[in-house]
Amino acid sequence: MAENENIKNTNQPNEKKGLKKGVGVLFNSQWITNNLYFFLFLGLLAIIYIANGHWADKTIRNIDKSKKELRDLQFEYKTIKAELMHKSEEAQVLKAAEPLGLKISKEVPVRLPNDNEPTELRNKK
């Protein structure tokens, strides 16, 4: 058992040294300098990703704003259309024309002859 403990004790410091050595080799200045363009590329991709997110949010806000304006204009259109339909009823037209002195004629309208009409149409009247 004493031999097993000695083996374990001797392995632990070596493992820590190996780990430190591996990390040191991985992140030394030569490796970072060799991969500088890759890091710049990753940074550029991150900037593009963030900008795309902001652009998408702005576009969604504009779409929502346009939808709200469209809904408001549709309500306004329907309201004006309903008012026009109400005002164009015969009773409403008579009320509006009354102050002007206009009334419904009880006589049948007389059509005046037009010299440019063909004679067949003039005779039918």
N, C-alpha and C. Protein backbone atom coordinates (compact mmCIF):
# COMPACT_ATOMS: atom_id res chain seq x y z
N MET A 1 0.80 -1.19 0.00
CA MET A 1 0.00 0.00 0.00
C MET A 1 0.85 1.26 0.00
N ALA A 2 1.96 1.21 0.63
CA ALA A 2 2.85 2.36 0.69
C ALA A 2 3.34 2.70 -0.70
N GLU A 3 3.53 1.66 -1.50
CA GLU A 3 3.97 1.91 -2.86
C GLU A 3 2.89 2.62 -3.67
N ASN A 4 1.61 2.24 -3.46
CA ASN A 4 0.51 2.88 -4.18
C ASN A 4 0.38 4.35 -3.80
N GLU A 5 0.60 4.68 -2.54
CA GLU A 5 0.53 6.06 -2.10
C GLU A 5 1.64 6.89 -2.72
N ASN A 6 2.82 6.30 -2.80
CA ASN A 6 3.95 7.01 -3.41
C ASN A 6 3.69 7.26 -4.89
N ILE A 7 3.07 6.30 -5.55
CA ILE A 7 2.77 6.46 -6.97
C ILE A 7 1.73 7.55 -7.14
N LYS A 8 0.71 7.55 -6.29
CA LYS A 8 -0.33 8.58 -6.38
C LYS A 8 0.26 9.96 -6.10
N ASN A 9 1.08 10.09 -5.10
CA ASN A 9 1.67 11.38 -4.75
C ASN A 9 2.58 11.90 -5.86
N THR A 10 3.29 11.02 -6.48
CA THR A 10 4.20 11.45 -7.53
C THR A 10 3.44 11.82 -8.80
N ASN A 11 2.27 11.21 -9.04
CA ASN A 11 1.50 11.50 -10.24
C ASN A 11 0.77 12.84 -10.15
N GLN A 12 0.32 13.22 -9.01
CA GLN A 12 -0.45 14.44 -8.87
C GLN A 12 0.34 15.70 -9.23
N PRO A 13 1.52 15.91 -8.75
CA PRO A 13 2.26 17.11 -9.14
C PRO A 13 2.57 17.12 -10.63
N ASN A 14 2.85 15.96 -11.19
CA ASN A 14 3.15 15.90 -12.62
C ASN A 14 1.92 16.24 -13.45
N GLU A 15 0.73 15.82 -13.00
CA GLU A 15 -0.50 16.14 -13.74
C GLU A 15 -0.75 17.64 -13.73
N LYS A 16 -0.53 18.31 -12.63
CA LYS A 16 -0.71 19.75 -12.56
C LYS A 16 0.28 20.47 -13.45
N LYS A 17 1.51 20.02 -13.45
CA LYS A 17 2.52 20.62 -14.30
C LYS A 17 2.17 20.43 -15.77
N GLY A 18 1.67 19.24 -16.10
CA GLY A 18 1.30 18.95 -17.49
C GLY A 18 0.13 19.81 -17.93
N LEU A 19 -0.83 20.02 -17.05
CA LEU A 19 -1.99 20.85 -17.37
C LEU A 19 -1.56 22.30 -17.57
N LYS A 20 -0.71 22.80 -16.69
CA LYS A 20 -0.21 24.16 -16.84
C LYS A 20 0.61 24.29 -18.12
N LYS A 21 1.38 23.28 -18.40
CA LYS A 21 2.21 23.30 -19.60
C LYS A 21 1.33 23.28 -20.84
N GLY A 22 0.24 22.49 -20.83
CA GLY A 22 -0.67 22.41 -21.97
C GLY A 22 -1.39 23.73 -22.20
N VAL A 23 -1.84 24.37 -21.13
CA VAL A 23 -2.50 25.66 -21.24
C VAL A 23 -1.50 26.71 -21.71
N GLY A 24 -0.29 26.64 -21.20
CA GLY A 24 0.73 27.58 -21.60
C GLY A 24 1.07 27.45 -23.08
N VAL A 25 1.11 26.23 -23.56
CA VAL A 25 1.40 26.01 -24.98
C VAL A 25 0.23 26.49 -25.82
N LEU A 26 -0.97 26.29 -25.33
CA LEU A 26 -2.16 26.66 -26.09
C LEU A 26 -2.31 28.17 -26.22
N PHE A 27 -2.01 28.91 -25.17
CA PHE A 27 -2.22 30.35 -25.19
C PHE A 27 -0.91 31.14 -25.17
N ASN A 28 0.09 30.68 -25.85
CA ASN A 28 1.32 31.47 -25.89
C ASN A 28 1.20 32.54 -26.97
N SER A 29 2.09 33.50 -26.96
CA SER A 29 1.99 34.66 -27.85
C SER A 29 2.14 34.27 -29.32
N GLN A 30 2.93 33.27 -29.60
CA GLN A 30 3.11 32.84 -31.00
C GLN A 30 1.80 32.29 -31.56
N TRP A 31 1.09 31.50 -30.77
CA TRP A 31 -0.17 30.90 -31.23
C TRP A 31 -1.23 31.99 -31.46
N ILE A 32 -1.29 32.93 -30.54
CA ILE A 32 -2.26 34.03 -30.67
C ILE A 32 -1.93 34.87 -31.89
N THR A 33 -0.66 35.15 -32.12
CA THR A 33 -0.28 35.95 -33.29
C THR A 33 -0.59 35.21 -34.58
N ASN A 34 -0.38 33.92 -34.60
CA ASN A 34 -0.68 33.14 -35.80
C ASN A 34 -2.17 33.12 -36.11
N ASN A 35 -3.01 33.18 -35.09
CA ASN A 35 -4.46 33.09 -35.28
C ASN A 35 -5.16 34.44 -35.14
N LEU A 36 -4.42 35.52 -35.26
CA LEU A 36 -4.99 36.86 -35.08
C LEU A 36 -6.09 37.14 -36.11
N TYR A 37 -5.87 36.75 -37.35
CA TYR A 37 -6.90 36.99 -38.38
C TYR A 37 -8.17 36.20 -38.10
N PHE A 38 -8.04 35.02 -37.55
CA PHE A 38 -9.22 34.23 -37.18
C PHE A 38 -10.01 34.93 -36.08
N PHE A 39 -9.31 35.48 -35.08
CA PHE A 39 -9.99 36.20 -34.00
C PHE A 39 -10.67 37.46 -34.53
N LEU A 40 -10.01 38.15 -35.45
CA LEU A 40 -10.64 39.33 -36.06
C LEU A 40 -11.89 38.93 -36.85
N PHE A 41 -11.81 37.82 -37.55
CA PHE A 41 -12.97 37.31 -38.28
C PHE A 41 -14.12 36.98 -37.33
N LEU A 42 -13.81 36.33 -36.22
CA LEU A 42 -14.85 36.01 -35.23
C LEU A 42 -15.45 37.30 -34.65
N GLY A 43 -14.63 38.30 -34.41
CA GLY A 43 -15.13 39.58 -33.91
C GLY A 43 -16.05 40.24 -34.92
N LEU A 44 -15.66 40.20 -36.20
CA LEU A 44 -16.50 40.77 -37.26
C LEU A 44 -17.84 40.04 -37.34
N LEU A 45 -17.81 38.70 -37.24
CA LEU A 45 -19.06 37.94 -37.25
C LEU A 45 -19.95 38.32 -36.06
N ALA A 46 -19.36 38.54 -34.90
CA ALA A 46 -20.14 38.94 -33.71
C ALA A 46 -20.78 40.30 -33.94
N ILE A 47 -20.03 41.24 -34.52
CA ILE A 47 -20.58 42.58 -34.79
C ILE A 47 -21.73 42.48 -35.79
N ILE A 48 -21.55 41.69 -36.84
CA ILE A 48 -22.62 41.52 -37.84
C ILE A 48 -23.84 40.87 -37.21
N TYR A 49 -23.64 39.90 -36.34
CA TYR A 49 -24.75 39.21 -35.66
C TYR A 49 -25.54 40.20 -34.80
N ILE A 50 -24.85 41.03 -34.05
CA ILE A 50 -25.51 42.02 -33.19
C ILE A 50 -26.26 43.06 -34.04
N ALA A 51 -25.59 43.53 -35.11
CA ALA A 51 -26.24 44.52 -35.98
C ALA A 51 -27.48 43.95 -36.64
N ASN A 52 -27.43 42.68 -37.03
CA ASN A 52 -28.59 42.03 -37.64
C ASN A 52 -29.75 41.95 -36.65
N GLY A 53 -29.45 41.67 -35.39
CA GLY A 53 -30.50 41.64 -34.37
C GLY A 53 -31.16 43.00 -34.19
N HIS A 54 -30.35 44.06 -34.16
CA HIS A 54 -30.91 45.41 -34.02
C HIS A 54 -31.75 45.78 -35.25
N TRP A 55 -31.25 45.42 -36.42
CA TRP A 55 -31.99 45.72 -37.66
C TRP A 55 -33.33 44.99 -37.68
N ALA A 56 -33.34 43.73 -37.24
CA ALA A 56 -34.59 42.96 -37.20
C ALA A 56 -35.58 43.58 -36.22
N ASP A 57 -35.10 44.00 -35.06
CA ASP A 57 -35.98 44.65 -34.08
C ASP A 57 -36.58 45.93 -34.65
N LYS A 58 -35.76 46.72 -35.32
CA LYS A 58 -36.25 47.97 -35.91
C LYS A 58 -37.29 47.68 -36.99
N THR A 59 -37.05 46.67 -37.79
CA THR A 59 -38.00 46.30 -38.84
C THR A 59 -39.32 45.84 -38.24
N ILE A 60 -39.27 45.06 -37.19
CA ILE A 60 -40.50 44.59 -36.53
C ILE A 60 -41.27 45.77 -35.94
N ARG A 61 -40.56 46.73 -35.34
CA ARG A 61 -41.24 47.91 -34.80
C ARG A 61 -41.92 48.70 -35.92
N ASN A 62 -41.25 48.85 -37.07
CA ASN A 62 -41.85 49.56 -38.20
C ASN A 62 -43.07 48.83 -38.74
N ILE A 63 -43.01 47.51 -38.79
CA ILE A 63 -44.16 46.73 -39.26
C ILE A 63 -45.34 46.90 -38.32
N ASP A 64 -45.08 46.84 -37.01
CA ASP A 64 -46.15 47.02 -36.04
C ASP A 64 -46.77 48.42 -36.14
N LYS A 65 -45.91 49.41 -36.34
CA LYS A 65 -46.40 50.79 -36.48
C LYS A 65 -47.27 50.92 -37.74
N SER A 66 -46.84 50.31 -38.83
CA SER A 66 -47.61 50.35 -40.07
C SER A 66 -48.95 49.63 -39.92
N LYS A 67 -48.94 48.51 -39.22
CA LYS A 67 -50.19 47.77 -38.99
C LYS A 67 -51.18 48.61 -38.18
N LYS A 68 -50.67 49.31 -37.18
CA LYS A 68 -51.54 50.15 -36.35
C LYS A 68 -52.11 51.30 -37.19
N GLU A 69 -51.27 51.94 -38.02
CA GLU A 69 -51.76 53.01 -38.89
C GLU A 69 -52.81 52.49 -39.86
N LEU A 70 -52.57 51.32 -40.43
CA LEU A 70 -53.51 50.73 -41.38
C LEU A 70 -54.85 50.45 -40.69
N ARG A 71 -54.80 49.91 -39.48
CA ARG A 71 -56.03 49.61 -38.74
C ARG A 71 -56.80 50.91 -38.45
N ASP A 72 -56.08 51.96 -38.06
CA ASP A 72 -56.73 53.25 -37.79
C ASP A 72 -57.36 53.83 -39.06
N LEU A 73 -56.65 53.73 -40.18
CA LEU A 73 -57.20 54.24 -41.44
C LEU A 73 -58.40 53.42 -41.90
N GLN A 74 -58.38 52.11 -41.65
CA GLN A 74 -59.54 51.29 -42.00
C GLN A 74 -60.76 51.69 -41.18
N PHE A 75 -60.56 51.94 -39.88
CA PHE A 75 -61.68 52.38 -39.04
C PHE A 75 -62.21 53.72 -39.53
N GLU A 76 -61.30 54.63 -39.86
CA GLU A 76 -61.71 55.94 -40.34
C GLU A 76 -62.49 55.81 -41.65
N TYR A 77 -62.00 54.96 -42.56
CA TYR A 77 -62.67 54.74 -43.84
C TYR A 77 -64.08 54.21 -43.62
N LYS A 78 -64.21 53.21 -42.74
CA LYS A 78 -65.54 52.62 -42.50
C LYS A 78 -66.49 53.63 -41.86
N THR A 79 -65.97 54.47 -40.98
CA THR A 79 -66.80 55.48 -40.34
C THR A 79 -67.30 56.50 -41.36
N ILE A 80 -66.39 56.99 -42.20
CA ILE A 80 -66.77 57.97 -43.21
C ILE A 80 -67.74 57.37 -44.22
N LYS A 81 -67.51 56.13 -44.59
CA LYS A 81 -68.39 55.45 -45.54
C LYS A 81 -69.80 55.30 -44.96
N ALA A 82 -69.87 54.94 -43.67
CA ALA A 82 -71.19 54.79 -43.03
C ALA A 82 -71.90 56.14 -42.97
N GLU A 83 -71.16 57.22 -42.64
CA GLU A 83 -71.77 58.56 -42.60
C GLU A 83 -72.27 58.98 -43.98
N LEU A 84 -71.49 58.69 -45.01
CA LEU A 84 -71.89 59.03 -46.38
C LEU A 84 -73.14 58.25 -46.79
N MET A 85 -73.19 56.98 -46.44
CA MET A 85 -74.38 56.17 -46.77
C MET A 85 -75.61 56.73 -46.06
N HIS A 86 -75.42 57.16 -44.81
CA HIS A 86 -76.55 57.72 -44.06
C HIS A 86 -76.99 59.06 -44.67
N LYS A 87 -76.02 59.91 -45.04
CA LYS A 87 -76.37 61.22 -45.59
C LYS A 87 -76.92 61.14 -47.00
N SER A 88 -76.67 60.05 -47.71
CA SER A 88 -77.17 59.94 -49.07
C SER A 88 -78.55 59.28 -49.14
N GLU A 89 -79.13 58.96 -48.00
CA GLU A 89 -80.50 58.45 -48.00
C GLU A 89 -81.44 59.58 -48.43
N GLU A 90 -82.57 59.20 -49.01
CA GLU A 90 -83.48 60.19 -49.58
C GLU A 90 -83.97 61.17 -48.51
N ALA A 91 -84.31 60.68 -47.34
CA ALA A 91 -84.81 61.56 -46.28
C ALA A 91 -83.74 62.56 -45.85
N GLN A 92 -82.51 62.12 -45.75
CA GLN A 92 -81.44 63.01 -45.33
C GLN A 92 -81.13 64.06 -46.41
N VAL A 93 -81.22 63.65 -47.69
CA VAL A 93 -80.99 64.59 -48.79
C VAL A 93 -82.09 65.65 -48.79
N LEU A 94 -83.34 65.24 -48.55
CA LEU A 94 -84.44 66.20 -48.49
C LEU A 94 -84.25 67.20 -47.34
N LYS A 95 -83.79 66.73 -46.19
CA LYS A 95 -83.53 67.62 -45.06
C LYS A 95 -82.45 68.63 -45.40
N ALA A 96 -81.40 68.18 -46.09
CA ALA A 96 -80.29 69.06 -46.42
C ALA A 96 -80.68 70.07 -47.50
N ALA A 97 -81.59 69.68 -48.41
CA ALA A 97 -81.99 70.56 -49.51
C ALA A 97 -83.09 71.53 -49.11
N GLU A 98 -83.79 71.26 -48.05
CA GLU A 98 -84.92 72.10 -47.62
C GLU A 98 -84.52 73.54 -47.33
N PRO A 99 -83.42 73.81 -46.61
CA PRO A 99 -83.05 75.21 -46.35
C PRO A 99 -82.69 75.96 -47.63
N LEU A 100 -82.31 75.24 -48.67
CA LEU A 100 -81.96 75.89 -49.93
C LEU A 100 -83.19 76.17 -50.79
N GLY A 101 -84.34 75.71 -50.35
CA GLY A 101 -85.58 75.93 -51.09
C GLY A 101 -85.82 74.90 -52.19
N LEU A 102 -85.11 73.81 -52.14
CA LEU A 102 -85.29 72.76 -53.15
C LEU A 102 -86.31 71.75 -52.65
N LYS A 103 -87.21 71.34 -53.55
CA LYS A 103 -88.23 70.37 -53.21
C LYS A 103 -88.34 69.35 -54.33
N ILE A 104 -88.98 68.24 -54.05
CA ILE A 104 -89.19 67.22 -55.07
C ILE A 104 -90.29 67.71 -56.01
N SER A 105 -90.00 67.60 -57.29
CA SER A 105 -90.97 68.02 -58.30
C SER A 105 -92.02 66.94 -58.47
N LYS A 106 -93.26 67.36 -58.58
CA LYS A 106 -94.34 66.39 -58.77
C LYS A 106 -94.67 66.21 -60.24
N GLU A 107 -94.06 67.03 -61.08
CA GLU A 107 -94.28 66.93 -62.53
C GLU A 107 -93.28 65.96 -63.13
N VAL A 108 -93.72 65.35 -64.21
CA VAL A 108 -92.84 64.44 -64.94
C VAL A 108 -91.85 65.27 -65.75
N PRO A 109 -90.58 64.92 -65.76
CA PRO A 109 -89.62 65.69 -66.52
C PRO A 109 -89.86 65.56 -68.02
N VAL A 110 -89.60 66.64 -68.74
CA VAL A 110 -89.76 66.66 -70.20
C VAL A 110 -88.37 66.61 -70.81
N ARG A 111 -88.23 65.71 -71.77
CA ARG A 111 -86.94 65.57 -72.42
C ARG A 111 -86.90 66.47 -73.64
N LEU A 112 -85.85 67.25 -73.76
CA LEU A 112 -85.67 68.13 -74.91
C LEU A 112 -85.04 67.33 -76.04
N PRO A 113 -85.47 67.59 -77.26
CA PRO A 113 -84.90 66.84 -78.38
C PRO A 113 -83.46 67.28 -78.64
N ASN A 114 -82.67 66.32 -79.05
CA ASN A 114 -81.28 66.57 -79.37
C ASN A 114 -81.11 66.36 -80.87
N ASP A 115 -80.58 67.33 -81.57
CA ASP A 115 -80.43 67.24 -83.01
C ASP A 115 -79.39 66.21 -83.42
N ASN A 116 -78.51 65.85 -82.55
CA ASN A 116 -77.46 64.90 -82.89
C ASN A 116 -77.90 63.45 -82.74
N GLU A 117 -79.09 63.20 -82.16
CA GLU A 117 -79.57 61.84 -81.98
C GLU A 117 -80.08 61.28 -83.31
N PRO A 118 -79.95 59.97 -83.49
CA PRO A 118 -80.56 59.36 -84.68
C PRO A 118 -82.08 59.51 -84.62
N THR A 119 -82.73 59.53 -85.76
CA THR A 119 -84.17 59.73 -85.82
C THR A 119 -84.95 58.61 -85.17
N GLU A 120 -84.43 57.38 -85.15
CA GLU A 120 -85.15 56.26 -84.52
C GLU A 120 -85.32 56.51 -83.02
N LEU A 121 -84.28 57.05 -82.38
CA LEU A 121 -84.36 57.32 -80.95
C LEU A 121 -85.28 58.49 -80.65
N ARG A 122 -85.35 59.48 -81.55
CA ARG A 122 -86.23 60.62 -81.34
C ARG A 122 -87.69 60.19 -81.44
N ASN A 123 -88.00 59.29 -82.33
CA ASN A 123 -89.37 58.84 -82.54
C ASN A 123 -89.86 57.96 -81.39
N LYS A 124 -88.99 57.24 -80.74
CA LYS A 124 -89.39 56.35 -79.64
C LYS A 124 -89.85 57.13 -78.44
N LYS A 125 -89.41 58.32 -78.29
CA LYS A 125 -89.77 59.10 -77.11
C LYS A 125 -91.13 59.65 -77.31
